Amino acid sequence: MTIHFARMTGQEIANYVTWLIDDYAKDVAHNYQLPMVLAQEESTQLIRNLFPDNQPGEGQTIVHVMNGDTRVGILWYAFQAESKRIFIYHILIEETYRGQGYATAVFEKLERVASEELGATSIGLSVFGTNPDAQRLYKRLGFQEASIAMNKQL
């Protein structure tokens, strides 16, 4: 499978930021048992800090994941030059294209970009505990758990 990355335009990034705030708030509310109002506030503050003026901060890259002319997903990552590390903030494969190897192809391409073009020596990411499909994928791709956050509902 051959995929390529296409940079988002300024308007596409602004639209993505608006969508991401709501999407991330839903995950935060669900995973941390927070009322949606609080989750929305936390999500807005975090995302707005990472996207000053609706643009990615220094070292960050947001791309469409493309198969030919078809967008199959989105990837947002940052290169942290001082640690020579890539941190993946968000990967999304559109539901229609899931289970077809696109996520694996994204990671393989990102690893090539990271090591060959950026000189990165590692890749990190976070995953919610309620996303076992992503956890299985990441383990299959060689990622190892670095920390585990736990909650208990009272």
N, C-alpha and C. Protein backbone atom coordinates (compact mmCIF):
# COMPACT_ATOMS: atom_id res chain seq x y z
N MET A 1 0.85 -1.18 0.00
CA MET A 1 0.00 0.00 0.00
C MET A 1 0.90 1.24 0.00
N THR A 2 0.62 2.13 -0.93
CA THR A 2 1.38 3.37 -1.01
C THR A 2 0.48 4.53 -0.59
N ILE A 3 0.91 5.22 0.43
CA ILE A 3 0.19 6.41 0.88
C ILE A 3 1.14 7.58 0.81
N HIS A 4 0.59 8.77 0.88
CA HIS A 4 1.44 9.95 1.00
C HIS A 4 0.74 10.93 1.95
N PHE A 5 1.54 11.88 2.43
CA PHE A 5 1.03 12.90 3.33
C PHE A 5 0.88 14.20 2.56
N ALA A 6 -0.24 14.88 2.77
CA ALA A 6 -0.48 16.18 2.13
C ALA A 6 -0.76 17.19 3.24
N ARG A 7 0.01 18.26 3.27
CA ARG A 7 -0.19 19.29 4.31
C ARG A 7 -1.57 19.91 4.21
N MET A 8 -2.11 20.24 5.37
CA MET A 8 -3.41 20.92 5.42
C MET A 8 -3.23 22.41 5.16
N THR A 9 -4.24 23.02 4.60
CA THR A 9 -4.26 24.47 4.43
C THR A 9 -4.62 25.11 5.77
N GLY A 10 -4.46 26.41 5.87
CA GLY A 10 -4.82 27.13 7.09
C GLY A 10 -6.27 26.94 7.47
N GLN A 11 -7.18 27.00 6.50
CA GLN A 11 -8.61 26.81 6.79
C GLN A 11 -8.89 25.38 7.21
N GLU A 12 -8.24 24.42 6.58
CA GLU A 12 -8.43 23.02 6.97
C GLU A 12 -7.96 22.79 8.40
N ILE A 13 -6.86 23.43 8.78
CA ILE A 13 -6.37 23.31 10.15
C ILE A 13 -7.37 23.93 11.12
N ALA A 14 -7.89 25.09 10.80
CA ALA A 14 -8.89 25.74 11.66
C ALA A 14 -10.12 24.84 11.83
N ASN A 15 -10.58 24.23 10.76
CA ASN A 15 -11.72 23.30 10.84
C ASN A 15 -11.37 22.08 11.69
N TYR A 16 -10.17 21.58 11.51
CA TYR A 16 -9.72 20.42 12.28
C TYR A 16 -9.67 20.76 13.77
N VAL A 17 -9.15 21.91 14.12
CA VAL A 17 -9.06 22.33 15.53
C VAL A 17 -10.46 22.37 16.16
N THR A 18 -11.41 22.94 15.47
CA THR A 18 -12.78 23.01 15.98
C THR A 18 -13.34 21.61 16.21
N TRP A 19 -13.15 20.73 15.23
CA TRP A 19 -13.62 19.35 15.35
C TRP A 19 -12.89 18.63 16.49
N LEU A 20 -11.58 18.83 16.57
CA LEU A 20 -10.76 18.12 17.56
C LEU A 20 -11.13 18.48 18.99
N ILE A 21 -11.44 19.73 19.24
CA ILE A 21 -11.82 20.15 20.60
C ILE A 21 -13.02 19.34 21.07
N ASP A 22 -14.04 19.23 20.25
CA ASP A 22 -15.23 18.47 20.63
C ASP A 22 -14.95 16.97 20.73
N ASP A 23 -14.20 16.44 19.77
CA ASP A 23 -13.90 15.01 19.78
C ASP A 23 -13.07 14.62 21.01
N TYR A 24 -12.06 15.41 21.31
CA TYR A 24 -11.20 15.12 22.46
C TYR A 24 -11.99 15.29 23.76
N ALA A 25 -12.88 16.26 23.83
CA ALA A 25 -13.70 16.46 25.03
C ALA A 25 -14.54 15.21 25.32
N LYS A 26 -15.09 14.61 24.28
CA LYS A 26 -15.88 13.37 24.47
C LYS A 26 -15.02 12.27 25.07
N ASP A 27 -13.79 12.12 24.56
CA ASP A 27 -12.88 11.10 25.10
C ASP A 27 -12.49 11.40 26.54
N VAL A 28 -12.21 12.65 26.83
CA VAL A 28 -11.84 13.05 28.20
C VAL A 28 -13.00 12.79 29.16
N ALA A 29 -14.20 13.17 28.78
CA ALA A 29 -15.37 12.95 29.64
C ALA A 29 -15.56 11.47 29.91
N HIS A 30 -15.45 10.67 28.88
CA HIS A 30 -15.66 9.22 29.02
C HIS A 30 -14.55 8.56 29.84
N ASN A 31 -13.31 8.87 29.53
CA ASN A 31 -12.19 8.18 30.17
C ASN A 31 -11.90 8.64 31.58
N TYR A 32 -12.20 9.89 31.89
CA TYR A 32 -11.89 10.42 33.22
C TYR A 32 -13.14 10.70 34.04
N GLN A 33 -14.28 10.23 33.56
CA GLN A 33 -15.56 10.39 34.25
C GLN A 33 -15.79 11.84 34.66
N LEU A 34 -15.59 12.74 33.73
CA LEU A 34 -15.81 14.16 33.98
C LEU A 34 -17.12 14.60 33.34
N PRO A 35 -17.79 15.56 33.95
CA PRO A 35 -18.94 16.14 33.27
C PRO A 35 -18.49 16.76 31.96
N MET A 36 -19.34 16.71 30.96
CA MET A 36 -18.97 17.19 29.62
C MET A 36 -18.54 18.65 29.64
N VAL A 37 -19.15 19.45 30.49
CA VAL A 37 -18.78 20.87 30.56
C VAL A 37 -17.31 21.02 30.96
N LEU A 38 -16.88 20.26 31.96
CA LEU A 38 -15.47 20.33 32.39
C LEU A 38 -14.54 19.75 31.33
N ALA A 39 -14.96 18.65 30.73
CA ALA A 39 -14.13 18.04 29.68
C ALA A 39 -13.97 18.99 28.51
N GLN A 40 -15.03 19.71 28.16
CA GLN A 40 -14.97 20.67 27.07
C GLN A 40 -14.01 21.81 27.41
N GLU A 41 -14.04 22.28 28.66
CA GLU A 41 -13.12 23.34 29.09
C GLU A 41 -11.68 22.86 29.01
N GLU A 42 -11.41 21.65 29.52
CA GLU A 42 -10.04 21.11 29.49
C GLU A 42 -9.56 20.93 28.05
N SER A 43 -10.44 20.38 27.21
CA SER A 43 -10.08 20.15 25.81
C SER A 43 -9.79 21.46 25.11
N THR A 44 -10.65 22.44 25.31
CA THR A 44 -10.46 23.75 24.66
C THR A 44 -9.14 24.37 25.08
N GLN A 45 -8.85 24.36 26.37
CA GLN A 45 -7.60 24.97 26.85
C GLN A 45 -6.38 24.25 26.27
N LEU A 46 -6.38 22.92 26.30
CA LEU A 46 -5.24 22.17 25.79
C LEU A 46 -5.04 22.40 24.29
N ILE A 47 -6.10 22.25 23.52
CA ILE A 47 -5.97 22.37 22.07
C ILE A 47 -5.62 23.80 21.66
N ARG A 48 -6.24 24.78 22.29
CA ARG A 48 -5.93 26.18 21.95
C ARG A 48 -4.48 26.52 22.29
N ASN A 49 -3.93 25.94 23.37
CA ASN A 49 -2.52 26.16 23.70
C ASN A 49 -1.60 25.55 22.64
N LEU A 50 -2.02 24.44 22.08
CA LEU A 50 -1.20 23.76 21.07
C LEU A 50 -1.37 24.37 19.68
N PHE A 51 -2.45 25.14 19.49
CA PHE A 51 -2.74 25.76 18.21
C PHE A 51 -2.96 27.25 18.37
N PRO A 52 -1.90 28.00 18.69
CA PRO A 52 -2.09 29.45 18.79
C PRO A 52 -2.55 29.99 17.44
N ASP A 53 -3.56 30.84 17.48
CA ASP A 53 -4.12 31.43 16.25
C ASP A 53 -4.55 30.37 15.23
N ASN A 54 -5.03 29.23 15.74
CA ASN A 54 -5.50 28.13 14.89
C ASN A 54 -4.42 27.56 13.99
N GLN A 55 -3.17 27.74 14.36
CA GLN A 55 -2.07 27.17 13.59
C GLN A 55 -1.22 26.30 14.52
N PRO A 56 -0.63 25.24 13.99
CA PRO A 56 0.17 24.37 14.85
C PRO A 56 1.38 25.10 15.41
N GLY A 57 1.75 24.72 16.63
CA GLY A 57 2.92 25.30 17.26
C GLY A 57 4.21 24.84 16.59
N GLU A 58 5.30 25.37 17.07
CA GLU A 58 6.61 25.07 16.50
C GLU A 58 6.90 23.57 16.51
N GLY A 59 7.39 23.06 15.40
CA GLY A 59 7.77 21.66 15.29
C GLY A 59 6.61 20.72 14.99
N GLN A 60 5.38 21.26 14.97
CA GLN A 60 4.22 20.41 14.74
C GLN A 60 3.88 20.32 13.26
N THR A 61 3.36 19.17 12.88
CA THR A 61 2.96 18.93 11.50
C THR A 61 1.59 18.26 11.52
N ILE A 62 0.69 18.75 10.66
CA ILE A 62 -0.63 18.14 10.51
C ILE A 62 -0.82 17.87 9.02
N VAL A 63 -1.14 16.62 8.71
CA VAL A 63 -1.26 16.23 7.31
C VAL A 63 -2.51 15.38 7.09
N HIS A 64 -2.98 15.44 5.86
CA HIS A 64 -3.98 14.48 5.41
C HIS A 64 -3.21 13.21 5.04
N VAL A 65 -3.76 12.07 5.36
CA VAL A 65 -3.21 10.79 4.91
C VAL A 65 -3.96 10.46 3.63
N MET A 66 -3.21 10.34 2.55
CA MET A 66 -3.81 10.20 1.23
C MET A 66 -3.44 8.86 0.59
N ASN A 67 -4.42 8.27 -0.09
CA ASN A 67 -4.20 7.14 -0.97
C ASN A 67 -4.59 7.64 -2.36
N GLY A 68 -3.60 8.03 -3.14
CA GLY A 68 -3.88 8.70 -4.40
C GLY A 68 -4.53 10.04 -4.12
N ASP A 69 -5.71 10.25 -4.67
CA ASP A 69 -6.45 11.50 -4.46
C ASP A 69 -7.47 11.38 -3.33
N THR A 70 -7.51 10.25 -2.67
CA THR A 70 -8.51 10.00 -1.63
C THR A 70 -7.92 10.20 -0.25
N ARG A 71 -8.57 11.05 0.55
CA ARG A 71 -8.13 11.24 1.93
C ARG A 71 -8.69 10.10 2.76
N VAL A 72 -7.78 9.39 3.42
CA VAL A 72 -8.19 8.25 4.25
C VAL A 72 -8.02 8.54 5.73
N GLY A 73 -7.35 9.65 6.07
CA GLY A 73 -7.15 9.97 7.47
C GLY A 73 -6.40 11.26 7.69
N ILE A 74 -6.01 11.44 8.96
CA ILE A 74 -5.29 12.63 9.41
C ILE A 74 -4.19 12.19 10.37
N LEU A 75 -3.06 12.87 10.32
CA LEU A 75 -1.97 12.63 11.25
C LEU A 75 -1.46 13.97 11.76
N TRP A 76 -1.31 14.06 13.09
CA TRP A 76 -0.76 15.27 13.73
C TRP A 76 0.37 14.80 14.63
N TYR A 77 1.55 15.31 14.38
CA TYR A 77 2.71 14.94 15.19
C TYR A 77 3.63 16.13 15.37
N ALA A 78 4.54 15.98 16.32
CA ALA A 78 5.54 17.03 16.57
C ALA A 78 6.91 16.40 16.64
N PHE A 79 7.88 17.10 16.08
CA PHE A 79 9.28 16.69 16.23
C PHE A 79 9.88 17.51 17.34
N GLN A 80 10.37 16.84 18.35
CA GLN A 80 11.01 17.49 19.49
C GLN A 80 12.53 17.36 19.30
N ALA A 81 13.11 18.39 18.71
CA ALA A 81 14.50 18.33 18.27
C ALA A 81 15.47 18.02 19.40
N GLU A 82 15.25 18.62 20.59
CA GLU A 82 16.21 18.43 21.68
C GLU A 82 16.30 16.97 22.13
N SER A 83 15.20 16.22 22.03
CA SER A 83 15.23 14.81 22.43
C SER A 83 15.25 13.88 21.21
N LYS A 84 15.24 14.46 20.02
CA LYS A 84 15.21 13.70 18.77
C LYS A 84 14.04 12.71 18.77
N ARG A 85 12.89 13.21 19.19
CA ARG A 85 11.73 12.37 19.38
C ARG A 85 10.54 12.92 18.60
N ILE A 86 9.78 12.04 18.01
CA ILE A 86 8.50 12.37 17.40
C ILE A 86 7.43 12.03 18.43
N PHE A 87 6.48 12.94 18.63
CA PHE A 87 5.33 12.63 19.47
C PHE A 87 4.08 12.73 18.60
N ILE A 88 3.32 11.66 18.56
CA ILE A 88 2.09 11.62 17.78
C ILE A 88 0.96 12.10 18.68
N TYR A 89 0.38 13.23 18.32
CA TYR A 89 -0.75 13.77 19.06
C TYR A 89 -2.05 13.09 18.64
N HIS A 90 -2.19 12.83 17.35
CA HIS A 90 -3.47 12.29 16.87
C HIS A 90 -3.27 11.57 15.56
N ILE A 91 -3.84 10.40 15.47
CA ILE A 91 -3.93 9.70 14.19
C ILE A 91 -5.38 9.28 14.05
N LEU A 92 -5.93 9.55 12.90
CA LEU A 92 -7.31 9.18 12.62
C LEU A 92 -7.37 8.57 11.24
N ILE A 93 -7.85 7.34 11.18
CA ILE A 93 -8.18 6.73 9.90
C ILE A 93 -9.70 6.76 9.81
N GLU A 94 -10.21 7.34 8.73
CA GLU A 94 -11.66 7.44 8.55
C GLU A 94 -12.27 6.05 8.67
N GLU A 95 -13.44 5.99 9.27
CA GLU A 95 -14.08 4.71 9.57
C GLU A 95 -14.19 3.80 8.35
N THR A 96 -14.50 4.35 7.21
CA THR A 96 -14.64 3.57 5.97
C THR A 96 -13.36 2.80 5.62
N TYR A 97 -12.21 3.33 6.04
CA TYR A 97 -10.93 2.76 5.63
C TYR A 97 -10.24 1.95 6.74
N ARG A 98 -10.87 1.83 7.88
CA ARG A 98 -10.26 1.09 8.99
C ARG A 98 -10.21 -0.40 8.67
N GLY A 99 -9.19 -1.04 9.25
CA GLY A 99 -9.03 -2.48 9.06
C GLY A 99 -8.44 -2.86 7.71
N GLN A 100 -7.92 -1.89 6.97
CA GLN A 100 -7.38 -2.16 5.64
C GLN A 100 -5.87 -1.94 5.57
N GLY A 101 -5.23 -1.70 6.72
CA GLY A 101 -3.78 -1.53 6.75
C GLY A 101 -3.29 -0.10 6.66
N TYR A 102 -4.20 0.86 6.63
CA TYR A 102 -3.78 2.25 6.50
C TYR A 102 -3.01 2.75 7.72
N ALA A 103 -3.45 2.41 8.91
CA ALA A 103 -2.74 2.87 10.11
C ALA A 103 -1.31 2.33 10.12
N THR A 104 -1.15 1.07 9.78
CA THR A 104 0.19 0.49 9.71
C THR A 104 1.03 1.23 8.68
N ALA A 105 0.45 1.52 7.53
CA ALA A 105 1.17 2.25 6.48
C ALA A 105 1.58 3.64 6.96
N VAL A 106 0.69 4.31 7.72
CA VAL A 106 1.02 5.63 8.26
C VAL A 106 2.24 5.55 9.17
N PHE A 107 2.24 4.58 10.07
CA PHE A 107 3.37 4.45 10.99
C PHE A 107 4.65 4.10 10.25
N GLU A 108 4.58 3.25 9.26
CA GLU A 108 5.78 2.90 8.50
C GLU A 108 6.34 4.13 7.78
N LYS A 109 5.45 4.91 7.16
CA LYS A 109 5.90 6.13 6.48
C LYS A 109 6.45 7.14 7.47
N LEU A 110 5.75 7.34 8.59
CA LEU A 110 6.22 8.29 9.59
C LEU A 110 7.58 7.88 10.15
N GLU A 111 7.80 6.60 10.35
CA GLU A 111 9.10 6.14 10.84
C GLU A 111 10.20 6.48 9.85
N ARG A 112 9.92 6.32 8.55
CA ARG A 112 10.93 6.69 7.54
C ARG A 112 11.20 8.19 7.57
N VAL A 113 10.15 8.99 7.60
CA VAL A 113 10.31 10.45 7.66
C VAL A 113 11.08 10.83 8.93
N ALA A 114 10.69 10.23 10.04
CA ALA A 114 11.31 10.57 11.33
C ALA A 114 12.80 10.28 11.34
N SER A 115 13.19 9.11 10.90
CA SER A 115 14.60 8.75 10.98
C SER A 115 15.43 9.34 9.83
N GLU A 116 14.92 9.27 8.60
CA GLU A 116 15.70 9.69 7.45
C GLU A 116 15.72 11.20 7.24
N GLU A 117 14.60 11.88 7.48
CA GLU A 117 14.53 13.31 7.20
C GLU A 117 14.75 14.17 8.44
N LEU A 118 14.29 13.69 9.60
CA LEU A 118 14.38 14.51 10.81
C LEU A 118 15.47 14.07 11.78
N GLY A 119 16.00 12.88 11.60
CA GLY A 119 17.02 12.39 12.52
C GLY A 119 16.46 11.96 13.87
N ALA A 120 15.19 11.65 13.92
CA ALA A 120 14.57 11.22 15.18
C ALA A 120 15.04 9.81 15.55
N THR A 121 15.09 9.56 16.83
CA THR A 121 15.52 8.25 17.32
C THR A 121 14.41 7.50 18.05
N SER A 122 13.25 8.15 18.26
CA SER A 122 12.13 7.46 18.90
C SER A 122 10.81 8.14 18.53
N ILE A 123 9.74 7.38 18.74
CA ILE A 123 8.39 7.88 18.53
C ILE A 123 7.58 7.55 19.77
N GLY A 124 6.82 8.53 20.25
CA GLY A 124 5.95 8.31 21.41
C GLY A 124 4.53 8.72 21.09
N LEU A 125 3.60 8.22 21.89
CA LEU A 125 2.19 8.57 21.77
C LEU A 125 1.49 8.21 23.06
N SER A 126 0.27 8.68 23.20
CA SER A 126 -0.60 8.30 24.32
C SER A 126 -1.85 7.70 23.72
N VAL A 127 -2.45 6.78 24.47
CA VAL A 127 -3.68 6.15 24.01
C VAL A 127 -4.61 5.98 25.21
N PHE A 128 -5.89 6.24 25.00
CA PHE A 128 -6.86 6.07 26.08
C PHE A 128 -7.05 4.59 26.36
N GLY A 129 -7.29 4.29 27.64
CA GLY A 129 -7.50 2.91 28.06
C GLY A 129 -8.73 2.27 27.45
N THR A 130 -9.65 3.07 26.99
CA THR A 130 -10.88 2.54 26.40
C THR A 130 -10.76 2.35 24.89
N ASN A 131 -9.53 2.31 24.38
CA ASN A 131 -9.30 2.13 22.95
C ASN A 131 -8.41 0.89 22.72
N PRO A 132 -8.96 -0.30 23.00
CA PRO A 132 -8.14 -1.51 22.89
C PRO A 132 -7.67 -1.82 21.47
N ASP A 133 -8.43 -1.41 20.45
CA ASP A 133 -7.99 -1.65 19.07
C ASP A 133 -6.69 -0.91 18.79
N ALA A 134 -6.63 0.35 19.21
CA ALA A 134 -5.41 1.14 19.01
C ALA A 134 -4.26 0.55 19.83
N GLN A 135 -4.55 0.14 21.05
CA GLN A 135 -3.50 -0.45 21.89
C GLN A 135 -2.90 -1.68 21.23
N ARG A 136 -3.74 -2.55 20.68
CA ARG A 136 -3.24 -3.75 19.99
C ARG A 136 -2.38 -3.37 18.80
N LEU A 137 -2.84 -2.39 18.02
CA LEU A 137 -2.06 -1.94 16.87
C LEU A 137 -0.69 -1.44 17.31
N TYR A 138 -0.66 -0.57 18.31
CA TYR A 138 0.60 0.01 18.75
C TYR A 138 1.56 -1.06 19.27
N LYS A 139 1.05 -2.01 20.02
CA LYS A 139 1.90 -3.11 20.51
C LYS A 139 2.44 -3.93 19.35
N ARG A 140 1.58 -4.21 18.38
CA ARG A 140 2.02 -4.98 17.21
C ARG A 140 3.11 -4.23 16.44
N LEU A 141 3.06 -2.90 16.47
CA LEU A 141 4.05 -2.09 15.77
C LEU A 141 5.32 -1.85 16.60
N GLY A 142 5.37 -2.42 17.80
CA GLY A 142 6.59 -2.35 18.61
C GLY A 142 6.59 -1.31 19.72
N PHE A 143 5.48 -0.62 19.92
CA PHE A 143 5.40 0.35 21.02
C PHE A 143 5.28 -0.41 22.34
N GLN A 144 5.90 0.16 23.37
CA GLN A 144 5.84 -0.43 24.70
C GLN A 144 5.21 0.56 25.66
N GLU A 145 4.50 0.04 26.67
CA GLU A 145 3.89 0.91 27.67
C GLU A 145 4.97 1.62 28.45
N ALA A 146 4.81 2.92 28.62
CA ALA A 146 5.75 3.72 29.39
C ALA A 146 5.13 4.19 30.70
N SER A 147 3.81 4.33 30.73
CA SER A 147 3.11 4.69 31.96
C SER A 147 1.66 4.28 31.81
N ILE A 148 0.99 4.13 32.93
CA ILE A 148 -0.42 3.78 32.92
C ILE A 148 -1.13 4.68 33.92
N ALA A 149 -2.15 5.39 33.47
CA ALA A 149 -2.97 6.21 34.35
C ALA A 149 -4.23 5.41 34.68
N MET A 150 -4.65 5.46 35.92
CA MET A 150 -5.83 4.69 36.33
C MET A 150 -6.83 5.57 37.05
N ASN A 151 -8.10 5.26 36.89
CA ASN A 151 -9.19 5.98 37.57
C ASN A 151 -10.11 4.96 38.22
N LYS A 152 -10.83 5.43 39.22
CA LYS A 152 -11.86 4.62 39.86
C LYS A 152 -13.09 5.50 40.04
N GLN A 153 -14.20 5.04 39.52
CA GLN A 153 -15.45 5.80 39.69
C GLN A 153 -16.06 5.48 41.04
N LEU A 154 -16.47 6.51 41.75
CA LEU A 154 -17.09 6.33 43.07
C LEU A 154 -18.60 6.50 42.98
